Amino acid sequence: MSNNKLIMLDTETTGLKPKDGHRIIEIGAVAVINREITDIHYHQYINPLFAVDEEALSVHGLSNEFLSDKPLFERIVDEFIEFVTGAELVIHNAPFDVGFINHEFDLCGKQIRLEDICTVTDSLVYAKKKHPGAKNNLDALCKRYGIGNEHRTLHGALLDSEILAQVYLAMTGGQTKLNLDVSENANHASLQFDLSDIPPLKMVYPDQEELERHQQWLEKHSSEENHFLFQKDS
């Protein structure tokens, strides 16, 4: 587990199985650097050239009409590869998303696997080990760790990656920085303890008179203690 740079990633798809022709329709990813959620992110809607299942539509709300003018995966694949190469990807239920991404690589002629260019960490596996027998989907984890997700009425790849970042940091020991960005595009918060403004400790040394008085006190009480021990042993 890297403490320096992680990329939280999520996808939305037309359905559940690439082997049935289903495709990726949204990718969202956010970078976490030194355990701080950053503004560095990747987000792209994709035209799947494949009908969105009604069940999937009810989950993410992304219709074929909405996706019809979005780029094909082959048009965005290189920038996606550039964004994630060399990173540690944290994905909730990683086999699902990795399987779809590798399927898309195949369809556009890329002779690589996501695992070849990234380290993949499955946060669901981690959550199950930490909370055996409990529900460990994102909604359940948000409730367990007190992370607000009331605005998550539908699934969305970028939103879910940002929620995953908060959940994963909470599961693995919490954030070291909390930086509230009030800009219009900010959908995250990060916690920051800045120690740079704390002044150095002031050292105060005793003067000669104080040293002599302290020595006199030590000699007096040392004498009294020896007298007490003599009386006790007698």
Protein backbone atom coordinates (compact mmCIF):
# COMPACT_ATOMS: atom_id res chain seq x y z
CA MET A 1 0.00 0.00 0.00
CA SER A 2 1.53 3.29 -1.06
CA ASN A 3 1.31 6.32 1.22
CA ASN A 4 2.55 8.71 -1.48
CA LYS A 5 0.36 8.54 -4.58
CA LEU A 6 -2.82 6.57 -5.17
CA ILE A 7 -5.48 6.86 -7.85
CA MET A 8 -9.04 5.97 -6.88
CA LEU A 9 -10.91 4.71 -9.95
CA ASP A 10 -14.45 3.75 -10.87
CA THR A 11 -16.35 2.97 -14.07
CA GLU A 12 -19.97 2.85 -15.18
CA THR A 13 -21.03 0.40 -17.88
CA THR A 14 -23.94 -0.58 -20.12
CA GLY A 15 -24.36 -3.84 -18.23
CA LEU A 16 -22.55 -6.49 -16.25
CA LYS A 17 -20.58 -8.69 -18.67
CA PRO A 18 -18.08 -7.68 -21.34
CA LYS A 19 -18.47 -11.09 -22.97
CA ASP A 20 -22.11 -10.18 -23.69
CA GLY A 21 -20.97 -7.06 -25.54
CA HIS A 22 -21.34 -4.58 -22.71
CA ARG A 23 -19.05 -1.54 -22.70
CA ILE A 24 -17.71 1.21 -20.48
CA ILE A 25 -19.66 4.47 -20.63
CA GLU A 26 -17.91 6.51 -17.91
CA ILE A 27 -14.51 6.54 -16.22
CA GLY A 28 -13.75 8.62 -13.13
CA ALA A 29 -10.52 8.78 -11.17
CA VAL A 30 -9.06 11.05 -8.49
CA ALA A 31 -5.48 11.22 -7.21
CA VAL A 32 -4.60 10.96 -3.53
CA ILE A 33 -1.09 12.23 -2.77
CA ASN A 34 0.46 11.83 0.67
CA ARG A 35 -3.02 10.85 1.92
CA GLU A 36 -4.58 14.10 0.74
CA ILE A 37 -7.46 14.04 -1.75
CA THR A 38 -6.40 16.35 -4.56
CA ASP A 39 -7.98 18.23 -7.46
CA ILE A 40 -6.05 16.00 -9.90
CA HIS A 41 -8.65 13.86 -11.61
CA TYR A 42 -9.62 12.13 -14.83
CA HIS A 43 -13.22 12.04 -16.00
CA GLN A 44 -14.70 10.96 -19.32
CA TYR A 45 -18.07 9.88 -20.70
CA ILE A 46 -17.84 7.39 -23.57
CA ASN A 47 -20.13 6.42 -26.44
CA PRO A 48 -20.40 2.62 -26.12
CA LEU A 49 -22.08 1.92 -29.48
CA PHE A 50 -24.13 -0.55 -27.46
CA ALA A 51 -27.53 -0.28 -25.81
CA VAL A 52 -27.59 0.52 -22.09
CA ASP A 53 -29.51 -2.08 -20.09
CA GLU A 54 -32.58 -0.80 -18.29
CA GLU A 55 -31.24 -2.12 -14.98
CA ALA A 56 -27.93 -0.35 -15.50
CA LEU A 57 -29.74 2.84 -16.53
CA SER A 58 -31.64 2.82 -13.23
CA VAL A 59 -28.30 2.71 -11.39
CA HIS A 60 -26.36 5.47 -13.16
CA GLY A 61 -28.95 7.31 -15.27
CA LEU A 62 -26.69 7.53 -18.36
CA SER A 63 -28.86 7.00 -21.44
CA ASN A 64 -27.77 6.19 -24.98
CA GLU A 65 -29.17 9.56 -26.03
CA PHE A 66 -26.90 11.34 -23.56
CA LEU A 67 -23.89 9.26 -24.64
CA SER A 68 -24.48 9.55 -28.39
CA ASP A 69 -22.19 12.56 -28.90
CA LYS A 70 -19.44 11.40 -26.54
CA PRO A 71 -16.08 10.10 -27.86
CA LEU A 72 -15.42 6.43 -28.51
CA PHE A 73 -13.07 4.65 -26.12
CA GLU A 74 -10.42 4.42 -28.84
CA ARG A 75 -10.30 8.22 -28.94
CA ILE A 76 -9.56 8.60 -25.23
CA VAL A 77 -7.55 5.45 -24.52
CA ASP A 78 -4.11 7.06 -24.83
CA GLU A 79 -4.85 9.89 -22.41
CA PHE A 80 -6.37 7.40 -19.98
CA ILE A 81 -3.27 5.19 -20.17
CA GLU A 82 -1.05 8.22 -19.61
CA PHE A 83 -3.04 9.21 -16.50
CA VAL A 84 -2.87 5.82 -14.78
CA THR A 85 0.50 4.42 -15.89
CA GLY A 86 2.77 3.70 -12.95
CA ALA A 87 0.11 4.45 -10.35
CA GLU A 88 -1.38 2.33 -7.63
CA LEU A 89 -5.05 2.08 -8.55
CA VAL A 90 -7.55 1.54 -5.75
CA ILE A 91 -10.81 0.10 -7.10
CA HIS A 92 -13.84 -1.20 -5.18
CA ASN A 93 -14.52 -4.68 -6.56
CA ALA A 94 -11.52 -4.38 -8.87
CA PRO A 95 -12.10 -7.48 -11.05
CA PHE A 96 -15.27 -5.90 -12.48
CA ASP A 97 -13.66 -2.62 -13.56
CA VAL A 98 -10.34 -4.18 -14.59
CA GLY A 99 -12.17 -6.75 -16.72
CA PHE A 100 -14.08 -4.04 -18.56
CA ILE A 101 -11.00 -1.86 -19.08
CA ASN A 102 -8.97 -4.77 -20.44
CA HIS A 103 -11.88 -5.64 -22.74
CA GLU A 104 -11.83 -2.08 -24.08
CA PHE A 105 -8.06 -2.33 -24.59
CA ASP A 106 -8.66 -5.46 -26.69
CA LEU A 107 -11.35 -3.81 -28.79
CA CYS A 108 -9.12 -0.88 -29.75
CA GLY A 109 -6.05 -2.99 -30.42
CA LYS A 110 -3.98 -2.20 -27.32
CA GLN A 111 -1.78 -5.18 -26.50
CA ILE A 112 -1.64 -4.44 -22.79
CA ARG A 113 -3.43 -5.29 -19.58
CA LEU A 114 -4.22 -2.70 -16.94
CA GLU A 115 -2.20 -4.80 -14.49
CA ASP A 116 0.85 -4.40 -16.78
CA ILE A 117 0.96 -0.62 -16.32
CA CYS A 118 -0.47 -0.22 -12.78
CA THR A 119 -0.59 -1.82 -9.39
CA VAL A 120 -4.22 -2.67 -8.59
CA THR A 121 -5.55 -2.73 -5.02
CA ASP A 122 -9.07 -4.03 -4.42
CA SER A 123 -10.58 -1.95 -1.61
CA LEU A 124 -13.52 -4.37 -1.35
CA VAL A 125 -11.15 -7.22 -0.45
CA TYR A 126 -9.51 -4.95 2.14
CA ALA A 127 -12.90 -3.97 3.58
CA LYS A 128 -14.02 -7.61 3.86
CA LYS A 129 -10.86 -8.50 5.79
CA LYS A 130 -11.32 -5.50 8.09
CA HIS A 131 -15.08 -6.01 8.57
CA PRO A 132 -15.78 -9.74 8.03
CA GLY A 133 -19.43 -10.68 7.75
CA ALA A 134 -20.61 -7.07 7.34
CA LYS A 135 -21.90 -5.24 4.28
CA ASN A 136 -18.97 -3.61 2.52
CA ASN A 137 -20.41 -1.71 -0.43
CA LEU A 138 -19.65 2.01 -0.60
CA ASP A 139 -22.97 3.02 0.97
CA ALA A 140 -22.43 0.70 3.94
CA LEU A 141 -18.84 1.86 4.38
CA CYS A 142 -19.90 5.51 4.26
CA LYS A 143 -22.38 4.85 7.06
CA ARG A 144 -19.81 2.92 9.09
CA TYR A 145 -17.20 5.68 8.84
CA GLY A 146 -19.56 8.65 9.08
CA ILE A 147 -18.94 9.86 5.53
CA GLY A 148 -21.83 11.87 4.10
CA ASN A 149 -23.11 10.60 0.75
CA GLU A 150 -26.65 11.97 0.74
CA HIS A 151 -25.96 13.64 -2.62
CA ARG A 152 -25.35 10.21 -4.21
CA THR A 153 -28.82 9.56 -5.59
CA LEU A 154 -27.32 7.87 -8.67
CA HIS A 155 -23.98 6.19 -9.20
CA GLY A 156 -21.38 8.24 -11.07
CA ALA A 157 -17.79 7.24 -11.77
CA LEU A 158 -16.12 10.48 -10.65
CA LEU A 159 -18.37 10.96 -7.62
CA ASP A 160 -17.90 7.34 -6.56
CA SER A 161 -14.12 7.60 -6.93
CA GLU A 162 -14.14 10.65 -4.64
CA ILE A 163 -16.32 8.83 -2.10
CA LEU A 164 -14.02 5.81 -2.36
CA ALA A 165 -11.05 8.07 -1.59
CA GLN A 166 -12.67 9.20 1.68
CA VAL A 167 -13.68 5.66 2.59
CA TYR A 168 -10.28 4.17 1.80
CA LEU A 169 -8.43 6.80 3.80
CA ALA A 170 -10.78 6.21 6.73
CA MET A 171 -10.28 2.43 6.53
CA THR A 172 -6.50 2.73 6.39
CA GLY A 173 -5.96 5.21 9.19
CA GLY A 174 -7.53 8.51 8.19
CA GLN A 175 -6.36 11.58 6.32
CA THR A 176 -3.38 13.67 7.33
CA LYS A 177 -4.77 16.80 5.66
CA LEU A 178 -8.19 18.39 5.35
CA ASN A 179 -8.26 21.13 2.75
CA LEU A 180 -11.74 22.52 2.12
CA ASP A 181 -11.83 23.84 -1.42
CA VAL A 182 -14.80 26.14 -1.93
CA SER A 183 -14.33 26.46 -5.67
CA GLU A 184 -17.30 25.63 -7.88
CA ASN A 185 -15.77 22.41 -9.18
CA ALA A 186 -14.59 21.06 -5.82
CA ASN A 187 -16.49 17.99 -4.65
CA HIS A 188 -14.09 16.82 -2.01
CA ALA A 189 -12.58 17.72 1.32
CA SER A 190 -9.14 16.91 2.65
CA LEU A 191 -7.70 17.37 6.25
CA GLN A 192 -4.61 19.42 6.90
CA PHE A 193 -2.51 19.94 9.99
CA ASP A 194 0.03 22.64 9.14
CA LEU A 195 2.76 22.81 11.77
CA SER A 196 4.87 25.34 9.88
CA ASP A 197 3.32 28.32 11.71
CA ILE A 198 4.10 27.03 15.21
CA PRO A 199 6.99 29.12 16.67
CA PRO A 200 10.07 27.29 17.96
CA LEU A 201 10.13 26.41 21.66
CA LYS A 202 11.74 29.09 23.82
CA MET A 203 14.53 27.74 26.00
CA VAL A 204 14.78 29.30 29.51
CA TYR A 205 17.94 28.63 31.53
CA PRO A 206 18.39 29.27 35.31
CA ASP A 207 20.79 31.99 36.48
CA GLN A 208 23.55 31.39 39.04
CA GLU A 209 21.42 32.35 42.05
CA GLU A 210 18.65 29.92 41.03
CA LEU A 211 21.18 27.13 40.58
CA GLU A 212 22.59 27.71 44.09
CA ARG A 213 19.12 27.76 45.69
CA HIS A 214 18.23 24.53 43.86
CA GLN A 215 21.40 22.86 45.13
CA GLN A 216 20.61 23.96 48.71
CA TRP A 217 17.10 22.48 48.39
CA LEU A 218 18.51 19.16 47.16
CA GLU A 219 21.01 18.98 50.04
CA LYS A 220 18.36 19.77 52.64
CA HIS A 221 15.87 17.18 51.42
CA SER A 222 18.55 14.59 50.86
CA SER A 223 19.55 15.00 54.51
CA GLU A 224 15.94 14.67 55.69
CA GLU A 225 15.43 11.54 53.59
CA ASN A 226 18.54 9.88 54.99
CA HIS A 227 17.35 10.66 58.52
CA PHE A 228 13.96 9.07 57.77
CA LEU A 229 15.57 5.91 56.40
CA PHE A 230 17.76 5.61 59.47
CA GLN A 231 14.72 5.88 61.77
CA LYS A 232 12.80 3.27 59.74
CA ASP A 233 15.59 0.73 59.79
CA SER A 234 16.28 1.14 63.49
